[in-house]
Amino acid sequence: METGNRRLIRPQFGEFKEKMEKPSRVPQKKPAPPDQTNAENFYYVKQMQSKTPMVLVLRGGEHLNGVIEWYDKGCLKVNREDGPNVLVYKSSIMYMYKAGDEA
């Protein structure tokens, strides 16, 4: 048997590089939705600017009537005509609505 003149054939590096650069067909995961939409902040700012009379219903069933003066991450300051201004923790508010929207 003659072995002859054998030559080792190696692929060029460019071929591997092209394969590495081609995007794979694996579907990408959707990005997670944002943690904060800023809808709450937008609502408070809108009510503060228009000085909308609001009713805050607390977890104990008490109703507070007044205008939101300012807010932060944990509480609201409510200006009231029928009593002193109060600082209310957001965690103690069950829900709130505009004062003319009872019906």
PDB file of N, CA and C in Angstrom:
ATOM      1  N   MET A   1       0.813  -1.174   0.000  1.00  0.00           N
ATOM      2  CA  MET A   1       0.000   0.000   0.000  1.00  0.00           C
ATOM      3  C   MET A   1       0.866   1.252   0.000  1.00  0.00           C
ATOM      4  N   GLU A   2       0.560   2.100  -0.876  1.00  0.00           N
ATOM      5  CA  GLU A   2       1.300   3.346  -0.930  1.00  0.00           C
ATOM      6  C   GLU A   2       0.522   4.415  -0.184  1.00  0.00           C
ATOM      7  N   THR A   3       1.227   5.113   0.668  1.00  0.00           N
ATOM      8  CA  THR A   3       0.565   6.196   1.409  1.00  0.00           C
ATOM      9  C   THR A   3       0.567   7.476   0.607  1.00  0.00           C
ATOM     10  N   GLY A   4       1.508   7.609  -0.273  1.00  0.00           N
ATOM     11  CA  GLY A   4       1.543   8.790  -1.121  1.00  0.00           C
ATOM     12  C   GLY A   4       1.847  10.051  -0.332  1.00  0.00           C
ATOM     13  N   ASN A   5       1.656  11.114  -1.002  1.00  0.00           N
ATOM     14  CA  ASN A   5       1.901  12.403  -0.371  1.00  0.00           C
ATOM     15  C   ASN A   5       0.575  12.918   0.180  1.00  0.00           C
ATOM     16  N   ARG A   6       0.388  12.826   1.503  1.00  0.00           N
ATOM     17  CA  ARG A   6      -0.865  13.259   2.119  1.00  0.00           C
ATOM     18  C   ARG A   6      -0.705  14.675   2.656  1.00  0.00           C
ATOM     19  N   ARG A   7      -1.759  15.401   2.517  1.00  0.00           N
ATOM     20  CA  ARG A   7      -1.732  16.759   3.006  1.00  0.00           C
ATOM     21  C   ARG A   7      -2.915  16.964   3.959  1.00  0.00           C
ATOM     22  N   LEU A   8      -2.629  17.584   5.069  1.00  0.00           N
ATOM     23  CA  LEU A   8      -3.688  17.853   6.038  1.00  0.00           C
ATOM     24  C   LEU A   8      -4.483  19.059   5.554  1.00  0.00           C
ATOM     25  N   ILE A   9      -5.794  18.884   5.489  1.00  0.00           N
ATOM     26  CA  ILE A   9      -6.648  19.985   5.027  1.00  0.00           C
ATOM     27  C   ILE A   9      -7.304  20.603   6.258  1.00  0.00           C
ATOM     28  N   ARG A  10      -7.025  21.865   6.485  1.00  0.00           N
ATOM     29  CA  ARG A  10      -7.619  22.578   7.608  1.00  0.00           C
ATOM     30  C   ARG A  10      -8.538  23.664   7.069  1.00  0.00           C
ATOM     31  N   PRO A  11      -9.690  23.801   7.707  1.00  0.00           N
ATOM     32  CA  PRO A  11     -10.557  24.897   7.275  1.00  0.00           C
ATOM     33  C   PRO A  11      -9.921  26.235   7.655  1.00  0.00           C
ATOM     34  N   GLN A  12     -10.236  27.248   6.915  1.00  0.00           N
ATOM     35  CA  GLN A  12      -9.705  28.573   7.199  1.00  0.00           C
ATOM     36  C   GLN A  12     -10.402  29.155   8.432  1.00  0.00           C
ATOM     37  N   PHE A  13      -9.701  30.004   9.174  1.00  0.00           N
ATOM     38  CA  PHE A  13     -10.250  30.628  10.372  1.00  0.00           C
ATOM     39  C   PHE A  13     -11.463  31.496  10.038  1.00  0.00           C
ATOM     40  N   GLY A  14     -11.485  32.067   8.858  1.00  0.00           N
ATOM     41  CA  GLY A  14     -12.599  32.918   8.439  1.00  0.00           C
ATOM     42  C   GLY A  14     -13.925  32.178   8.446  1.00  0.00           C
ATOM     43  N   GLU A  15     -13.918  30.894   8.132  1.00  0.00           N
ATOM     44  CA  GLU A  15     -15.151  30.101   8.125  1.00  0.00           C
ATOM     45  C   GLU A  15     -15.732  29.997   9.535  1.00  0.00           C
ATOM     46  N   PHE A  16     -14.857  29.777  10.518  1.00  0.00           N
ATOM     47  CA  PHE A  16     -15.333  29.693  11.905  1.00  0.00           C
ATOM     48  C   PHE A  16     -15.860  31.047  12.369  1.00  0.00           C
ATOM     49  N   LYS A  17     -15.169  32.097  11.977  1.00  0.00           N
ATOM     50  CA  LYS A  17     -15.575  33.432  12.377  1.00  0.00           C
ATOM     51  C   LYS A  17     -16.960  33.751  11.829  1.00  0.00           C
ATOM     52  N   GLU A  18     -17.219  33.383  10.581  1.00  0.00           N
ATOM     53  CA  GLU A  18     -18.530  33.628   9.984  1.00  0.00           C
ATOM     54  C   GLU A  18     -19.621  32.864  10.717  1.00  0.00           C
ATOM     55  N   LYS A  19     -19.328  31.628  11.095  1.00  0.00           N
ATOM     56  CA  LYS A  19     -20.318  30.829  11.814  1.00  0.00           C
ATOM     57  C   LYS A  19     -20.614  31.429  13.176  1.00  0.00           C
ATOM     58  N   MET A  20     -19.591  31.981  13.830  1.00  0.00           N
ATOM     59  CA  MET A  20     -19.767  32.572  15.155  1.00  0.00           C
ATOM     60  C   MET A  20     -20.593  33.860  15.075  1.00  0.00           C
ATOM     61  N   GLU A  21     -20.440  34.619  13.996  1.00  0.00           N
ATOM     62  CA  GLU A  21     -21.122  35.895  13.874  1.00  0.00           C
ATOM     63  C   GLU A  21     -22.572  35.759  13.451  1.00  0.00           C
ATOM     64  N   LYS A  22     -22.950  34.652  12.848  1.00  0.00           N
ATOM     65  CA  LYS A  22     -24.323  34.473  12.393  1.00  0.00           C
ATOM     66  C   LYS A  22     -25.246  34.371  13.608  1.00  0.00           C
ATOM     67  N   PRO A  23     -26.372  35.080  13.565  1.00  0.00           N
ATOM     68  CA  PRO A  23     -27.295  34.996  14.699  1.00  0.00           C
ATOM     69  C   PRO A  23     -27.920  33.609  14.781  1.00  0.00           C
ATOM     70  N   SER A  24     -28.051  33.146  15.976  1.00  0.00           N
ATOM     71  CA  SER A  24     -28.672  31.830  16.154  1.00  0.00           C
ATOM     72  C   SER A  24     -30.179  31.966  16.033  1.00  0.00           C
ATOM     73  N   ARG A  25     -30.831  30.888  15.763  1.00  0.00           N
ATOM     74  CA  ARG A  25     -32.284  30.886  15.564  1.00  0.00           C
ATOM     75  C   ARG A  25     -33.042  30.672  16.873  1.00  0.00           C
ATOM     76  N   VAL A  26     -32.359  30.788  18.003  1.00  0.00           N
ATOM     77  CA  VAL A  26     -33.008  30.602  19.296  1.00  0.00           C
ATOM     78  C   VAL A  26     -33.835  31.852  19.591  1.00  0.00           C
ATOM     79  N   PRO A  27     -35.125  31.704  19.875  1.00  0.00           N
ATOM     80  CA  PRO A  27     -35.949  32.885  20.148  1.00  0.00           C
ATOM     81  C   PRO A  27     -35.489  33.575  21.433  1.00  0.00           C
ATOM     82  N   GLN A  28     -35.456  34.892  21.395  1.00  0.00           N
ATOM     83  CA  GLN A  28     -35.045  35.674  22.554  1.00  0.00           C
ATOM     84  C   GLN A  28     -36.227  35.826  23.512  1.00  0.00           C
ATOM     85  N   LYS A  29     -35.943  35.871  24.812  1.00  0.00           N
ATOM     86  CA  LYS A  29     -36.989  36.080  25.801  1.00  0.00           C
ATOM     87  C   LYS A  29     -37.442  37.527  25.754  1.00  0.00           C
ATOM     88  N   LYS A  30     -38.720  37.746  26.031  1.00  0.00           N
ATOM     89  CA  LYS A  30     -39.237  39.102  26.105  1.00  0.00           C
ATOM     90  C   LYS A  30     -38.661  39.768  27.346  1.00  0.00           C
ATOM     91  N   PRO A  31     -38.365  41.047  27.262  1.00  0.00           N
ATOM     92  CA  PRO A  31     -37.872  41.728  28.460  1.00  0.00           C
ATOM     93  C   PRO A  31     -38.985  41.842  29.494  1.00  0.00           C
ATOM     94  N   ALA A  32     -38.615  41.842  30.746  1.00  0.00           N
ATOM     95  CA  ALA A  32     -39.599  41.948  31.818  1.00  0.00           C
ATOM     96  C   ALA A  32     -40.232  43.331  31.780  1.00  0.00           C
ATOM     97  N   PRO A  33     -41.516  43.434  32.150  1.00  0.00           N
ATOM     98  CA  PRO A  33     -42.147  44.749  32.173  1.00  0.00           C
ATOM     99  C   PRO A  33     -41.503  45.623  33.246  1.00  0.00           C
ATOM    100  N   PRO A  34     -41.586  46.927  33.093  1.00  0.00           N
ATOM    101  CA  PRO A  34     -40.957  47.800  34.088  1.00  0.00           C
ATOM    102  C   PRO A  34     -41.613  47.644  35.449  1.00  0.00           C
ATOM    103  N   ASP A  35     -40.807  47.849  36.495  1.00  0.00           N
ATOM    104  CA  ASP A  35     -41.322  47.725  37.858  1.00  0.00           C
ATOM    105  C   ASP A  35     -42.300  48.846  38.194  1.00  0.00           C
ATOM    106  N   GLN A  36     -42.053  50.015  37.625  1.00  0.00           N
ATOM    107  CA  GLN A  36     -42.892  51.160  37.941  1.00  0.00           C
ATOM    108  C   GLN A  36     -43.349  51.832  36.653  1.00  0.00           C
ATOM    109  N   THR A  37     -44.652  52.106  36.567  1.00  0.00           N
ATOM    110  CA  THR A  37     -45.205  52.741  35.364  1.00  0.00           C
ATOM    111  C   THR A  37     -45.381  54.239  35.527  1.00  0.00           C
ATOM    112  N   ASN A  38     -45.224  54.745  36.734  1.00  0.00           N
ATOM    113  CA  ASN A  38     -45.404  56.164  37.052  1.00  0.00           C
ATOM    114  C   ASN A  38     -46.845  56.628  36.915  1.00  0.00           C
ATOM    115  N   ALA A  39     -47.793  55.726  36.765  1.00  0.00           N
ATOM    116  CA  ALA A  39     -49.202  56.103  36.659  1.00  0.00           C
ATOM    117  C   ALA A  39     -49.693  56.732  37.963  1.00  0.00           C
ATOM    118  N   GLU A  40     -49.269  56.177  39.089  1.00  0.00           N
ATOM    119  CA  GLU A  40     -49.677  56.710  40.392  1.00  0.00           C
ATOM    120  C   GLU A  40     -49.163  58.137  40.552  1.00  0.00           C
ATOM    121  N   ASN A  41     -47.895  58.374  40.221  1.00  0.00           N
ATOM    122  CA  ASN A  41     -47.319  59.715  40.333  1.00  0.00           C
ATOM    123  C   ASN A  41     -48.046  60.700  39.415  1.00  0.00           C
ATOM    124  N   PHE A  42     -48.334  60.276  38.196  1.00  0.00           N
ATOM    125  CA  PHE A  42     -49.055  61.127  37.248  1.00  0.00           C
ATOM    126  C   PHE A  42     -50.423  61.512  37.811  1.00  0.00           C
ATOM    127  N   TYR A  43     -51.130  60.556  38.422  1.00  0.00           N
ATOM    128  CA  TYR A  43     -52.455  60.815  38.974  1.00  0.00           C
ATOM    129  C   TYR A  43     -52.379  61.836  40.107  1.00  0.00           C
ATOM    130  N   TYR A  44     -51.425  61.647  41.028  1.00  0.00           N
ATOM    131  CA  TYR A  44     -51.289  62.590  42.151  1.00  0.00           C
ATOM    132  C   TYR A  44     -50.962  63.991  41.654  1.00  0.00           C
ATOM    133  N   VAL A  45     -50.040  64.112  40.719  1.00  0.00           N
ATOM    134  CA  VAL A  45     -49.654  65.424  40.197  1.00  0.00           C
ATOM    135  C   VAL A  45     -50.849  66.104  39.538  1.00  0.00           C
ATOM    136  N   LYS A  46     -51.621  65.349  38.776  1.00  0.00           N
ATOM    137  CA  LYS A  46     -52.798  65.909  38.104  1.00  0.00           C
ATOM    138  C   LYS A  46     -53.805  66.433  39.124  1.00  0.00           C
ATOM    139  N   GLN A  47     -54.070  65.671  40.190  1.00  0.00           N
ATOM    140  CA  GLN A  47     -55.041  66.085  41.212  1.00  0.00           C
ATOM    141  C   GLN A  47     -54.516  67.274  42.012  1.00  0.00           C
ATOM    142  N   MET A  48     -53.203  67.322  42.270  1.00  0.00           N
ATOM    143  CA  MET A  48     -52.626  68.442  43.018  1.00  0.00           C
ATOM    144  C   MET A  48     -52.695  69.728  42.199  1.00  0.00           C
ATOM    145  N   GLN A  49     -52.367  69.655  40.921  1.00  0.00           N
ATOM    146  CA  GLN A  49     -52.350  70.854  40.079  1.00  0.00           C
ATOM    147  C   GLN A  49     -53.749  71.444  39.904  1.00  0.00           C
ATOM    148  N   SER A  50     -54.750  70.586  39.779  1.00  0.00           N
ATOM    149  CA  SER A  50     -56.119  71.073  39.600  1.00  0.00           C
ATOM    150  C   SER A  50     -56.833  71.293  40.935  1.00  0.00           C
ATOM    151  N   LYS A  51     -56.157  70.989  42.049  1.00  0.00           N
ATOM    152  CA  LYS A  51     -56.730  71.135  43.401  1.00  0.00           C
ATOM    153  C   LYS A  51     -58.100  70.459  43.498  1.00  0.00           C
ATOM    154  N   THR A  52     -58.145  69.236  43.019  1.00  0.00           N
ATOM    155  CA  THR A  52     -59.378  68.455  43.011  1.00  0.00           C
ATOM    156  C   THR A  52     -59.735  68.015  44.429  1.00  0.00           C
ATOM    157  N   PRO A  53     -60.970  68.311  44.896  1.00  0.00           N
ATOM    158  CA  PRO A  53     -61.390  67.787  46.200  1.00  0.00           C
ATOM    159  C   PRO A  53     -61.483  66.256  46.136  1.00  0.00           C
ATOM    160  N   MET A  54     -60.823  65.582  47.060  1.00  0.00           N
ATOM    161  CA  MET A  54     -60.759  64.123  47.061  1.00  0.00           C
ATOM    162  C   MET A  54     -61.364  63.573  48.346  1.00  0.00           C
ATOM    163  N   VAL A  55     -61.818  62.335  48.280  1.00  0.00           N
ATOM    164  CA  VAL A  55     -62.282  61.587  49.453  1.00  0.00           C
ATOM    165  C   VAL A  55     -61.370  60.381  49.587  1.00  0.00           C
ATOM    166  N   LEU A  56     -60.714  60.267  50.734  1.00  0.00           N
ATOM    167  CA  LEU A  56     -59.849  59.121  51.018  1.00  0.00           C
ATOM    168  C   LEU A  56     -60.578  58.224  51.998  1.00  0.00           C
ATOM    169  N   VAL A  57     -60.785  56.978  51.653  1.00  0.00           N
ATOM    170  CA  VAL A  57     -61.434  56.020  52.534  1.00  0.00           C
ATOM    171  C   VAL A  57     -60.329  55.183  53.158  1.00  0.00           C
ATOM    172  N   LEU A  58     -60.223  55.260  54.480  1.00  0.00           N
ATOM    173  CA  LEU A  58     -59.166  54.553  55.190  1.00  0.00           C
ATOM    174  C   LEU A  58     -59.583  53.127  55.508  1.00  0.00           C
ATOM    175  N   ARG A  59     -58.636  52.306  55.869  1.00  0.00           N
ATOM    176  CA  ARG A  59     -58.901  50.886  56.163  1.00  0.00           C
ATOM    177  C   ARG A  59     -59.874  50.702  57.315  1.00  0.00           C
ATOM    178  N   GLY A  60     -59.908  51.627  58.237  1.00  0.00           N
ATOM    179  CA  GLY A  60     -60.845  51.545  59.360  1.00  0.00           C
ATOM    180  C   GLY A  60     -62.246  52.000  59.003  1.00  0.00           C
ATOM    181  N   GLY A  61     -62.466  52.481  57.771  1.00  0.00           N
ATOM    182  CA  GLY A  61     -63.786  52.926  57.342  1.00  0.00           C
ATOM    183  C   GLY A  61     -63.965  54.432  57.423  1.00  0.00           C
ATOM    184  N   GLU A  62     -63.009  55.155  57.990  1.00  0.00           N
ATOM    185  CA  GLU A  62     -63.112  56.603  58.113  1.00  0.00           C
ATOM    186  C   GLU A  62     -62.915  57.268  56.748  1.00  0.00           C
ATOM    187  N   HIS A  63     -63.646  58.357  56.500  1.00  0.00           N
ATOM    188  CA  HIS A  63     -63.536  59.122  55.254  1.00  0.00           C
ATOM    189  C   HIS A  63     -62.854  60.448  55.556  1.00  0.00           C
ATOM    190  N   LEU A  64     -61.865  60.801  54.745  1.00  0.00           N
ATOM    191  CA  LEU A  64     -61.211  62.101  54.862  1.00  0.00           C
ATOM    192  C   LEU A  64     -61.484  62.875  53.583  1.00  0.00           C
ATOM    193  N   ASN A  65     -61.976  64.104  53.726  1.00  0.00           N
ATOM    194  CA  ASN A  65     -62.224  64.983  52.580  1.00  0.00           C
ATOM    195  C   ASN A  65     -61.156  66.055  52.564  1.00  0.00           C
ATOM    196  N   GLY A  66     -60.612  66.326  51.389  1.00  0.00           N
ATOM    197  CA  GLY A  66     -59.619  67.382  51.282  1.00  0.00           C
ATOM    198  C   GLY A  66     -58.929  67.367  49.936  1.00  0.00           C
ATOM    199  N   VAL A  67     -57.921  68.235  49.829  1.00  0.00           N
ATOM    200  CA  VAL A  67     -57.140  68.382  48.610  1.00  0.00           C
ATOM    201  C   VAL A  67     -55.730  67.871  48.894  1.00  0.00           C
ATOM    202  N   ILE A  68     -55.187  67.082  47.971  1.00  0.00           N
ATOM    203  CA  ILE A  68     -53.821  66.564  48.142  1.00  0.00           C
ATOM    204  C   ILE A  68     -52.847  67.713  47.910  1.00  0.00           C
ATOM    205  N   GLU A  69     -52.030  68.001  48.929  1.00  0.00           N
ATOM    206  CA  GLU A  69     -51.040  69.078  48.804  1.00  0.00           C
ATOM    207  C   GLU A  69     -49.726  68.547  48.264  1.00  0.00           C
ATOM    208  N   TRP A  70     -49.242  67.421  48.798  1.00  0.00           N
ATOM    209  CA  TRP A  70     -48.035  66.783  48.275  1.00  0.00           C
ATOM    210  C   TRP A  70     -48.055  65.307  48.625  1.00  0.00           C
ATOM    211  N   TYR A  71     -47.133  64.575  48.022  1.00  0.00           N
ATOM    212  CA  TYR A  71     -47.036  63.141  48.256  1.00  0.00           C
ATOM    213  C   TYR A  71     -45.571  62.741  48.177  1.00  0.00           C
ATOM    214  N   ASP A  72     -45.275  61.586  48.733  1.00  0.00           N
ATOM    215  CA  ASP A  72     -43.962  60.963  48.522  1.00  0.00           C
ATOM    216  C   ASP A  72     -44.181  59.463  48.425  1.00  0.00           C
ATOM    217  N   LYS A  73     -43.134  58.709  48.586  1.00  0.00           N
ATOM    218  CA  LYS A  73     -43.220  57.254  48.390  1.00  0.00           C
ATOM    219  C   LYS A  73     -44.193  56.586  49.362  1.00  0.00           C
ATOM    220  N   GLY A  74     -44.303  57.097  50.571  1.00  0.00           N
ATOM    221  CA  GLY A  74     -45.102  56.402  51.576  1.00  0.00           C
ATOM    222  C   GLY A  74     -46.333  57.117  52.090  1.00  0.00           C
ATOM    223  N   CYS A  75     -46.494  58.424  51.798  1.00  0.00           N
ATOM    224  CA  CYS A  75     -47.634  59.117  52.389  1.00  0.00           C
ATOM    225  C   CYS A  75     -48.134  60.275  51.525  1.00  0.00           C
ATOM    226  N   LEU A  76     -49.319  60.797  51.923  1.00  0.00           N
ATOM    227  CA  LEU A  76     -49.956  61.944  51.270  1.00  0.00           C
ATOM    228  C   LEU A  76     -50.229  63.002  52.329  1.00  0.00           C
ATOM    229  N   LYS A  77     -50.074  64.270  51.969  1.00  0.00           N
ATOM    230  CA  LYS A  77     -50.508  65.349  52.855  1.00  0.00           C
ATOM    231  C   LYS A  77     -51.808  65.884  52.285  1.00  0.00           C
ATOM    232  N   VAL A  78     -52.855  65.897  53.120  1.00  0.00           N
ATOM    233  CA  VAL A  78     -54.190  66.310  52.688  1.00  0.00           C
ATOM    234  C   VAL A  78     -54.580  67.576  53.439  1.00  0.00           C
ATOM    235  N   ASN A  79     -54.900  68.637  52.690  1.00  0.00           N
ATOM    236  CA  ASN A  79     -55.420  69.873  53.280  1.00  0.00           C
ATOM    237  C   ASN A  79     -56.926  69.738  53.402  1.00  0.00           C
ATOM    238  N   ARG A  80     -57.430  69.964  54.621  1.00  0.00           N
ATOM    239  CA  ARG A  80     -58.869  69.832  54.861  1.00  0.00           C
ATOM    240  C   ARG A  80     -59.459  71.162  55.296  1.00  0.00           C
ATOM    241  N   GLU A  81     -60.712  71.410  54.943  1.00  0.00           N
ATOM    242  CA  GLU A  81     -61.416  72.613  55.395  1.00  0.00           C
ATOM    243  C   GLU A  81     -62.090  72.377  56.744  1.00  0.00           C
ATOM    244  N   ASP A  82     -62.541  71.143  56.972  1.00  0.00           N
ATOM    245  CA  ASP A  82     -63.297  70.835  58.184  1.00  0.00           C
ATOM    246  C   ASP A  82     -62.429  70.349  59.335  1.00  0.00           C
ATOM    247  N   GLY A  83     -61.134  70.451  59.221  1.00  0.00           N
ATOM    248  CA  GLY A  83     -60.247  69.999  60.287  1.00  0.00           C
ATOM    249  C   GLY A  83     -58.807  70.325  59.952  1.00  0.00           C
ATOM    250  N   PRO A  84     -57.908  69.892  60.805  1.00  0.00           N
ATOM    251  CA  PRO A  84     -56.487  70.170  60.535  1.00  0.00           C
ATOM    252  C   PRO A  84     -55.972  69.356  59.346  1.00  0.00           C
ATOM    253  N   ASN A  85     -54.915  69.873  58.737  1.00  0.00           N
ATOM    254  CA  ASN A  85     -54.278  69.140  57.651  1.00  0.00           C
ATOM    255  C   ASN A  85     -53.676  67.857  58.224  1.00  0.00           C
ATOM    256  N   VAL A  86     -53.696  66.799  57.436  1.00  0.00           N
ATOM    257  CA  VAL A  86     -53.217  65.513  57.941  1.00  0.00           C
ATOM    258  C   VAL A  86     -52.214  64.892  56.973  1.00  0.00           C
ATOM    259  N   LEU A  87     -51.335  64.102  57.541  1.00  0.00           N
ATOM    260  CA  LEU A  87     -50.389  63.304  56.781  1.00  0.00           C
ATOM    261  C   LEU A  87     -50.865  61.860  56.892  1.00  0.00           C
ATOM    262  N   VAL A  88     -51.202  61.246  55.754  1.00  0.00           N
ATOM    263  CA  VAL A  88     -51.807  59.913  55.749  1.00  0.00           C
ATOM    264  C   VAL A  88     -50.850  58.938  55.076  1.00  0.00           C
ATOM    265  N   TYR A  89     -50.560  57.821  55.756  1.00  0.00           N
ATOM    266  CA  TYR A  89     -49.752  56.772  55.135  1.00  0.00           C
ATOM    267  C   TYR A  89     -50.554  56.116  54.009  1.00  0.00           C
ATOM    268  N   LYS A  90     -49.902  55.886  52.880  1.00  0.00           N
ATOM    269  CA  LYS A  90     -50.578  55.240  51.748  1.00  0.00           C
ATOM    270  C   LYS A  90     -51.064  53.841  52.120  1.00  0.00           C
ATOM    271  N   SER A  91     -50.343  53.175  52.991  1.00  0.00           N
ATOM    272  CA  SER A  91     -50.736  51.812  53.381  1.00  0.00           C
ATOM    273  C   SER A  91     -52.047  51.801  54.171  1.00  0.00           C
ATOM    274  N   SER A  92     -52.438  52.941  54.749  1.00  0.00           N
ATOM    275  CA  SER A  92     -53.688  52.990  55.510  1.00  0.00           C
ATOM    276  C   SER A  92     -54.883  53.401  54.648  1.00  0.00           C
ATOM    277  N   ILE A  93     -54.640  53.734  53.370  1.00  0.00           N
ATOM    278  CA  ILE A  93     -55.725  54.136  52.466  1.00  0.00           C
ATOM    279  C   ILE A  93     -56.259  52.904  51.738  1.00  0.00           C
ATOM    280  N   MET A  94     -57.570  52.678  51.879  1.00  0.00           N
ATOM    281  CA  MET A  94     -58.192  51.565  51.165  1.00  0.00           C
ATOM    282  C   MET A  94     -58.414  51.951  49.706  1.00  0.00           C
ATOM    283  N   TYR A  95     -59.027  53.119  49.477  1.00  0.00           N
ATOM    284  CA  TYR A  95     -59.195  53.654  48.127  1.00  0.00           C
ATOM    285  C   TYR A  95     -59.500  55.133  48.245  1.00  0.00           C
ATOM    286  N   MET A  96     -59.490  55.823  47.095  1.00  0.00           N
ATOM    287  CA  MET A  96     -59.821  57.242  47.064  1.00  0.00           C
ATOM    288  C   MET A  96     -60.583  57.555  45.777  1.00  0.00           C
ATOM    289  N   TYR A  97     -61.332  58.650  45.823  1.00  0.00           N
ATOM    290  CA  TYR A  97     -62.074  59.068  44.650  1.00  0.00           C
ATOM    291  C   TYR A  97     -62.276  60.577  44.702  1.00  0.00           C
ATOM    292  N   LYS A  98     -62.664  61.154  43.570  1.00  0.00           N
ATOM    293  CA  LYS A  98     -62.947  62.586  43.507  1.00  0.00           C
ATOM    294  C   LYS A  98     -64.222  62.858  44.274  1.00  0.00           C
ATOM    295  N   ALA A  99     -64.281  63.982  44.980  1.00  0.00           N
ATOM    296  CA  ALA A  99     -65.395  64.266  45.895  1.00  0.00           C
ATOM    297  C   ALA A  99     -66.758  64.332  45.212  1.00  0.00           C
ATOM    298  N   GLY A 100     -66.869  64.651  43.940  1.00  0.00           N
ATOM    299  CA  GLY A 100     -68.162  64.717  43.269  1.00  0.00           C
ATOM    300  C   GLY A 100     -68.598  63.414  42.647  1.00  0.00           C
ATOM    301  N   ASP A 101     -67.838  62.331  42.786  1.00  0.00           N
ATOM    302  CA  ASP A 101     -68.098  61.073  42.071  1.00  0.00           C
ATOM    303  C   ASP A 101     -68.723  59.980  42.947  1.00  0.00           C
ATOM    304  N   GLU A 102     -69.562  60.341  43.928  1.00  0.00           N
ATOM    305  CA  GLU A 102     -70.133  59.323  44.821  1.00  0.00           C
ATOM    306  C   GLU A 102     -71.145  58.445  44.112  1.00  0.00           C
ATOM    307  N   ALA A 103     -71.873  58.968  43.163  1.00  0.00           N
ATOM    308  CA  ALA A 103     -72.967  58.234  42.535  1.00  0.00           C
ATOM    309  C   ALA A 103     -72.521  57.208  41.564  1.00  0.00           C
TER     310      ALA A 103
END
